[in-house]
Amino acid sequence: MSHHLDTPLAAQNGQLFIDDLYVFPGERSTIFVMDVNSDITGVHAEPGFHPEARYEFKVHFDGADFETLTYRVSFGEPDEDDRQTLRLHVLTGDAAREDSADGDLVLQGRTGETAAADGIRVWAGRISDSFYIDLSLLAVVNGAVAKGSAVDLSGWRPGEARNSFTGTTVESIVLEVPHEDARLRPGARTGVWCATKLATDAGGWRQINRGGHPMMWPIFWPGDTDFTNPANTRHPSEDLAAAGDLVAGQVAAVVAATGTSGDPEGYGRTVARELFPDVLPYVVGTPATYGFATRNGRALADNAPEAMLSLVTNTAVPSGLRPSVSEHLRSDRFPYVVPVARS
C-alpha cells in the first residue's frame, strides 16, 4: 500500500527522519553520508528506504544562498531478499534546487552492494550506528533550553557516561565523489545539507526533513517527532530570518541563567549566525573536524554532541565519551561504515 504525503502515516515514517549528516575526505575524494531510520527508540517500524521518497545531498559553493549541485538517491520496492534498487541522479545549476528537474542518471545499483560509475561510488544499507552520546546528558541541556534555565551539571558524572547508541542501527547512504570532479575539486568552499522528500498525491514533492549542523533537532526541536516544525520544510536561506531570533533568544536565556556570558543577548545572536543557514561548511580536500575550534565538515569519529552542547551553553559540557567507544563501527575504507550482517 502506498503512503503519500497526504496520508497521516507519511509523516510518521522513520525512513524519512534524518539522524546524521557527515562530510569528510576519502581517498582523493569527498565522502557524503546520510543516516536515517534509527532504531534507537525500539525496532524500526519499516526497514529500508522509502520507495516513494528522494534522499538528497545539497551543495552550495562559496557561501551562496542556494545550492547549485544536488545528488539525488532514490530507491525501489524491496525484493524477496529485502534488497532495493537504487539510482543516483546529479543535478547542477538552477536545476539543483528544482524538484521538477530530472537531472542526469549517473549510476544504478542495489542496497547492500557498492555501485560505481565514472569514479563515483554509492553504498546504501543497514549499518551499526557509530554515533555516540549519553542521552541523559542531552536531557539536561534540553531541559535548560526549553525552560530558559541554568544548565545544572552538578549531577552529571562524565566518568560514568554510557553510550546510549550501543547496539543501535540506522539506514545509511554513502556517496563518494572523486577530486577529479569539476565542481568538488580540492579547495572548493562548500556548504552541505541533506533532505528527504516524499511524493505527493498531486504529483509533486514535499520536503519532509532536512539536516546540516549536527544536533540541531535534538537541542532546539526535540519534540518534533511528527515533522510539524516549519524548519523541516524551509530552505536554509530562510533560516536566519525565520528562526534566528528564536534560537538567539533561547541561547541567551540559557547563558544568562547559567552566568556564562557578560552579554547573553550578543552571545545568542552570535550563535544563531554561526548555526544559520543550517548548512555544514566544508573545504574540499581538507581534514574534516567538527569541534570547538573548527567546524569544517564532520568525520564519523567527531564528538559533535560535546561541541554543540558546549556552544549552545557557552560552557564546557564534557560528554565523558571518546571516539574509541565506537571505533569498531567505523572503517578506513569505503564505505567507511560497518554494515549489519543480513540474517
Protein backbone atom coordinates (compact mmCIF):
# COMPACT_ATOMS: atom_id res chain seq x y z
CA MET A 1 0.00 0.00 0.00
CA SER A 2 1.31 3.44 -0.89
CA HIS A 3 1.54 6.11 1.79
CA HIS A 4 1.89 9.51 0.16
CA LEU A 5 2.39 12.81 1.92
CA ASP A 6 -1.35 13.37 2.02
CA THR A 7 -1.94 10.44 4.39
CA PRO A 8 -1.36 10.66 8.16
CA LEU A 9 1.13 7.78 8.11
CA ALA A 10 3.52 9.60 5.79
CA ALA A 11 4.80 11.94 8.49
CA GLN A 12 5.35 9.13 10.96
CA ASN A 13 7.86 7.17 8.89
CA GLY A 14 11.34 6.75 10.32
CA GLN A 15 12.61 6.15 6.81
CA LEU A 16 12.27 9.89 6.26
CA PHE A 17 13.85 11.05 9.53
CA ILE A 18 17.46 12.22 9.12
CA ASP A 19 19.64 11.15 12.02
CA ASP A 20 23.05 12.41 10.90
CA LEU A 21 24.99 14.05 8.08
CA TYR A 22 28.73 13.60 7.61
CA VAL A 23 31.12 15.13 5.07
CA PHE A 24 34.81 14.20 5.09
CA PRO A 25 37.72 13.39 2.77
CA GLY A 26 38.15 9.90 1.38
CA GLU A 27 40.94 8.58 -0.82
CA ARG A 28 41.35 11.56 -3.13
CA SER A 29 37.61 12.06 -2.86
CA THR A 30 34.82 13.64 -0.86
CA ILE A 31 32.53 11.40 1.18
CA PHE A 32 28.91 12.27 1.97
CA VAL A 33 26.98 10.16 4.48
CA MET A 34 23.29 10.47 5.34
CA ASP A 35 21.86 8.29 8.12
CA VAL A 36 18.10 7.79 8.53
CA ASN A 37 15.65 5.47 10.28
CA SER A 38 17.43 4.80 13.57
CA ASP A 39 16.04 2.08 15.82
CA ILE A 40 17.14 3.97 18.98
CA THR A 41 13.55 4.04 20.25
CA GLY A 42 12.98 0.36 19.51
CA VAL A 43 12.66 -1.80 16.45
CA HIS A 44 12.38 0.44 13.39
CA ALA A 45 8.81 0.35 12.11
CA GLU A 46 9.72 -0.34 8.50
CA PRO A 47 13.25 -1.34 7.46
CA GLY A 48 14.94 0.03 4.37
CA PHE A 49 14.48 3.25 2.44
CA HIS A 50 11.15 4.73 1.40
CA PRO A 51 10.47 3.72 -2.23
CA GLU A 52 8.43 6.86 -2.88
CA ALA A 53 11.00 9.25 -1.44
CA ARG A 54 14.09 11.10 -2.54
CA TYR A 55 17.22 11.40 -0.43
CA GLU A 56 19.25 14.42 -1.49
CA PHE A 57 22.68 15.84 -0.72
CA LYS A 58 22.68 19.59 -1.45
CA VAL A 59 25.89 21.54 -2.10
CA HIS A 60 26.34 25.34 -2.04
CA PHE A 61 29.57 26.94 -3.25
CA ASP A 62 31.44 29.98 -1.94
CA GLY A 63 28.77 30.97 0.57
CA ALA A 64 25.96 31.14 -2.00
CA ASP A 65 22.40 31.22 -0.67
CA PHE A 66 21.30 28.37 -2.94
CA GLU A 67 22.65 25.01 -3.97
CA THR A 68 23.97 24.50 -7.48
CA LEU A 69 24.74 20.80 -7.07
CA THR A 70 22.40 18.08 -5.86
CA TYR A 71 22.99 14.36 -5.57
CA ARG A 72 19.60 12.63 -5.54
CA VAL A 73 19.27 9.00 -4.45
CA SER A 74 16.03 7.08 -4.90
CA PHE A 75 15.04 3.50 -4.17
CA GLY A 76 12.70 0.83 -5.48
CA GLU A 77 10.42 -1.53 -3.59
CA PRO A 78 12.15 -4.25 -1.54
CA ASP A 79 12.52 -7.59 -3.31
CA GLU A 80 12.19 -11.05 -1.77
CA ASP A 81 15.65 -10.62 -0.21
CA ASP A 82 14.74 -7.19 1.23
CA ARG A 83 17.15 -5.57 -1.20
CA GLN A 84 16.17 -2.40 -3.04
CA THR A 85 17.31 -0.99 -6.34
CA LEU A 86 18.88 2.45 -6.12
CA ARG A 87 19.52 5.22 -8.58
CA LEU A 88 21.74 8.29 -8.35
CA HIS A 89 20.89 11.42 -10.30
CA VAL A 90 23.08 14.52 -10.41
CA LEU A 91 21.54 17.97 -10.87
CA THR A 92 23.58 21.11 -11.47
CA GLY A 93 23.00 24.84 -11.81
CA ASP A 94 19.45 26.10 -11.30
CA ALA A 95 18.14 22.55 -11.72
CA ALA A 96 19.82 21.58 -8.45
CA ARG A 97 17.00 23.19 -6.48
CA GLU A 98 14.12 22.21 -8.74
CA ASP A 99 12.05 19.19 -7.74
CA SER A 100 10.66 19.03 -11.27
CA ALA A 101 14.12 18.64 -12.81
CA ASP A 102 15.20 15.09 -13.68
CA GLY A 103 18.97 15.57 -13.69
CA ASP A 104 21.41 13.06 -15.13
CA LEU A 105 21.20 9.40 -14.16
CA VAL A 106 24.77 8.60 -13.10
CA LEU A 107 24.53 5.07 -11.75
CA GLN A 108 22.21 2.30 -10.65
CA GLY A 109 22.68 -0.48 -8.14
CA ARG A 110 21.20 -2.34 -5.18
CA THR A 111 21.29 -1.81 -1.45
CA GLY A 112 24.00 -3.75 0.33
CA GLU A 113 26.30 -3.53 -2.69
CA THR A 114 28.70 -0.88 -3.99
CA ALA A 115 27.58 0.77 -7.22
CA ALA A 116 30.19 2.67 -9.22
CA ALA A 117 30.40 4.70 -12.42
CA ASP A 118 32.86 7.34 -13.68
CA GLY A 119 34.73 7.43 -10.36
CA ILE A 120 31.56 7.93 -8.27
CA ARG A 121 30.58 5.24 -5.77
CA VAL A 122 27.42 4.72 -3.74
CA TRP A 123 26.65 2.24 -1.00
CA ALA A 124 23.37 2.11 0.92
CA GLY A 125 22.07 -0.24 3.57
CA ARG A 126 21.61 -1.01 7.25
CA ILE A 127 24.64 -0.31 9.44
CA SER A 128 25.68 -0.31 13.08
CA ASP A 129 25.43 3.30 14.23
CA SER A 130 28.80 4.76 15.29
CA PHE A 131 27.20 7.90 16.75
CA TYR A 132 27.80 8.23 20.48
CA ILE A 133 26.23 10.21 23.33
CA ASP A 134 24.76 9.57 26.75
CA LEU A 135 21.18 10.75 26.30
CA SER A 136 20.87 11.65 29.97
CA LEU A 137 23.32 14.49 29.33
CA LEU A 138 21.28 15.69 26.37
CA ALA A 139 18.20 15.71 28.59
CA VAL A 140 19.90 18.12 30.99
CA VAL A 141 20.69 20.61 28.23
CA ASN A 142 17.31 20.07 26.53
CA GLY A 143 15.52 20.98 29.73
CA ALA A 144 17.54 24.17 30.14
CA VAL A 145 16.98 25.27 26.53
CA ALA A 146 13.26 24.58 26.73
CA LYS A 147 12.82 26.47 30.00
CA GLY A 148 15.48 29.15 29.57
CA SER A 149 17.01 28.00 32.84
CA ALA A 150 20.53 27.36 34.06
CA VAL A 151 22.35 24.25 32.90
CA ASP A 152 22.80 22.18 36.04
CA LEU A 153 25.62 19.69 35.54
CA SER A 154 26.11 19.06 39.25
CA GLY A 155 24.61 15.60 38.94
CA TRP A 156 26.43 14.72 35.74
CA ARG A 157 29.30 12.24 36.14
CA PRO A 158 31.31 12.11 32.90
CA GLY A 159 33.29 9.15 34.19
CA GLU A 160 30.07 7.16 34.39
CA ALA A 161 28.82 8.06 30.90
CA ARG A 162 27.41 5.26 28.79
CA ASN A 163 26.80 5.37 25.06
CA SER A 164 23.03 5.26 24.58
CA PHE A 165 23.51 4.23 20.94
CA THR A 166 25.34 0.99 21.68
CA GLY A 167 23.76 -1.76 19.61
CA THR A 168 21.58 0.56 17.54
CA THR A 169 21.36 0.61 13.75
CA VAL A 170 20.46 3.08 11.01
CA GLU A 171 19.96 3.05 7.27
CA SER A 172 22.94 4.79 5.67
CA ILE A 173 23.65 6.28 2.24
CA VAL A 174 27.34 6.73 1.47
CA LEU A 175 28.34 8.73 -1.61
CA GLU A 176 31.91 9.16 -2.85
CA VAL A 177 32.82 11.83 -5.42
CA PRO A 178 36.43 11.92 -6.70
CA HIS A 179 38.58 15.03 -6.56
CA GLU A 180 38.70 14.96 -10.34
CA ASP A 181 35.11 16.18 -10.36
CA ALA A 182 34.97 19.62 -11.95
CA ARG A 183 32.87 21.04 -9.11
CA LEU A 184 34.10 19.25 -5.99
CA ARG A 185 37.76 19.91 -6.66
CA PRO A 186 40.23 20.38 -3.78
CA GLY A 187 39.95 23.86 -2.32
CA ALA A 188 36.30 24.34 -3.22
CA ARG A 189 34.42 26.03 -0.36
CA THR A 190 31.12 24.27 0.12
CA GLY A 191 28.10 24.27 2.38
CA VAL A 192 26.31 20.92 2.56
CA TRP A 193 22.89 19.86 3.77
CA CYS A 194 20.62 16.94 3.10
CA ALA A 195 16.89 16.43 2.76
CA THR A 196 14.27 13.72 2.47
CA LYS A 197 11.38 14.40 0.11
CA LEU A 198 8.19 12.45 -0.44
CA ALA A 199 5.95 12.19 -3.47
CA THR A 200 2.57 13.88 -3.13
CA ASP A 201 -0.75 12.74 -4.49
CA ALA A 202 -0.74 15.83 -6.72
CA GLY A 203 2.39 14.62 -8.49
CA GLY A 204 4.90 16.94 -6.82
CA TRP A 205 7.37 16.58 -3.97
CA ARG A 206 7.30 17.70 -0.37
CA GLN A 207 10.40 18.20 1.77
CA ILE A 208 9.85 16.19 4.94
CA ASN A 209 13.08 16.56 6.94
CA ARG A 210 16.50 18.10 6.50
CA GLY A 211 19.86 18.26 8.23
CA GLY A 212 23.02 20.35 8.26
CA HIS A 213 24.76 21.03 11.56
CA PRO A 214 24.62 18.09 13.98
CA MET A 215 22.27 18.11 16.99
CA MET A 216 20.04 20.94 15.77
CA TRP A 217 16.81 18.97 16.11
CA PRO A 218 17.70 17.26 19.43
CA ILE A 219 18.64 20.60 21.01
CA PHE A 220 16.15 23.08 19.60
CA TRP A 221 13.21 20.95 18.41
CA PRO A 222 13.42 17.73 20.44
CA GLY A 223 9.68 17.12 20.39
CA ASP A 224 9.34 17.27 16.61
CA THR A 225 8.62 13.57 16.06
CA ASP A 226 5.86 14.16 13.51
CA PHE A 227 7.69 16.65 11.23
CA THR A 228 5.37 19.54 12.14
CA ASN A 229 8.03 22.17 12.84
CA PRO A 230 8.35 24.63 9.91
CA ALA A 231 12.12 24.12 9.98
CA ASN A 232 11.58 20.79 8.23
CA THR A 233 10.24 22.34 5.06
CA ARG A 234 12.31 25.54 4.98
CA HIS A 235 15.25 26.16 2.72
CA PRO A 236 18.43 27.06 4.63
CA SER A 237 18.44 30.52 3.04
CA GLU A 238 15.32 31.30 5.09
CA ASP A 239 16.72 30.10 8.43
CA LEU A 240 18.10 33.30 9.92
CA ALA A 241 15.03 35.38 9.14
CA ALA A 242 12.60 32.68 10.22
CA ALA A 243 14.26 31.30 13.35
CA GLY A 244 17.31 33.45 14.11
CA ASP A 245 15.61 35.49 16.83
CA LEU A 246 14.05 32.39 18.39
CA VAL A 247 17.31 30.46 18.63
CA ALA A 248 19.25 33.55 19.72
CA GLY A 249 16.71 34.12 22.47
CA GLN A 250 16.85 30.52 23.65
CA VAL A 251 20.63 30.57 23.81
CA ALA A 252 20.68 33.97 25.51
CA ALA A 253 18.26 32.80 28.19
CA VAL A 254 20.35 29.72 28.96
CA VAL A 255 23.69 31.51 29.18
CA ALA A 256 22.15 34.35 31.20
CA ALA A 257 20.71 31.89 33.72
CA THR A 258 23.93 29.88 33.78
CA GLY A 259 26.07 33.02 34.07
CA THR A 260 28.47 32.11 31.28
CA SER A 261 28.36 35.39 29.33
CA GLY A 262 28.54 39.07 30.20
CA ASP A 263 26.42 39.80 27.13
CA PRO A 264 23.88 36.96 26.80
CA GLU A 265 21.89 38.64 24.03
CA GLY A 266 25.01 39.29 21.99
CA TYR A 267 26.21 35.74 22.52
CA GLY A 268 22.83 34.37 21.46
CA ARG A 269 22.92 36.35 18.24
CA THR A 270 26.46 35.14 17.55
CA VAL A 271 25.43 31.51 17.95
CA ALA A 272 22.40 31.99 15.70
CA ARG A 273 24.65 33.44 13.00
CA GLU A 274 27.05 30.52 13.44
CA LEU A 275 24.30 27.94 13.01
CA PHE A 276 22.23 29.63 10.30
CA PRO A 277 21.94 28.97 7.49
CA ASP A 278 21.89 25.37 8.66
CA VAL A 279 24.48 24.00 6.26
CA LEU A 280 27.65 22.12 7.10
CA PRO A 281 30.73 24.06 5.89
CA TYR A 282 33.50 22.03 4.26
CA VAL A 283 36.57 22.90 2.18
CA VAL A 284 37.08 20.02 -0.22
CA GLY A 285 40.30 18.09 0.29
CA THR A 286 40.97 19.31 3.83
CA PRO A 287 40.70 17.32 7.08
CA ALA A 288 37.16 17.21 8.42
CA THR A 289 36.65 18.29 12.01
CA TYR A 290 33.51 19.28 13.86
CA GLY A 291 34.86 20.53 17.16
CA PHE A 292 35.37 23.53 19.38
CA ALA A 293 37.86 25.49 17.30
CA THR A 294 36.86 24.33 13.82
CA ARG A 295 33.66 23.32 12.10
CA ASN A 296 34.81 22.01 8.75
CA GLY A 297 32.78 19.05 7.61
CA ARG A 298 32.16 16.26 10.07
CA ALA A 299 34.03 12.98 10.42
CA LEU A 300 32.39 9.81 11.69
CA ALA A 301 34.50 9.90 14.86
CA ASP A 302 33.87 13.55 15.76
CA ASN A 303 32.34 14.25 19.17
CA ALA A 304 29.84 16.65 17.64
CA PRO A 305 27.38 16.45 20.56
CA GLU A 306 30.00 17.72 23.01
CA ALA A 307 30.93 20.59 20.67
CA MET A 308 27.31 21.61 20.08
CA LEU A 309 26.18 21.38 23.70
CA SER A 310 29.14 23.49 24.76
CA LEU A 311 28.48 26.06 22.02
CA VAL A 312 24.83 26.49 22.96
CA THR A 313 25.51 26.83 26.69
CA ASN A 314 28.82 28.74 26.41
CA THR A 315 30.40 26.41 28.92
CA ALA A 316 32.33 23.17 28.78
CA VAL A 317 29.93 20.23 28.68
CA PRO A 318 32.07 17.09 28.91
CA SER A 319 30.34 14.12 27.31
CA GLY A 320 32.51 11.60 29.13
CA LEU A 321 32.84 9.61 25.89
CA ARG A 322 35.68 9.37 23.42
CA PRO A 323 35.69 8.32 19.76
CA SER A 324 37.15 4.95 20.78
CA VAL A 325 33.77 3.96 22.24
CA SER A 326 32.53 3.20 18.71
CA GLU A 327 35.82 2.79 16.86
CA HIS A 328 34.90 -0.76 15.84
CA LEU A 329 31.91 0.63 13.96
CA ARG A 330 34.00 2.73 11.57
CA SER A 331 36.26 1.71 8.71
CA ASP A 332 39.13 3.46 6.96
CA ARG A 333 37.95 2.17 3.59
CA PHE A 334 34.84 2.71 1.51
CA PRO A 335 32.03 2.69 2.52
CA TYR A 336 33.61 3.69 5.90
CA VAL A 337 30.58 2.34 7.78
CA VAL A 338 30.02 -1.19 9.12
CA PRO A 339 27.06 -2.98 7.51
CA VAL A 340 24.79 -5.11 9.63
CA ALA A 341 25.04 -8.77 8.67
CA ARG A 342 21.92 -9.96 6.90
CA SER A 343 20.10 -12.83 8.58
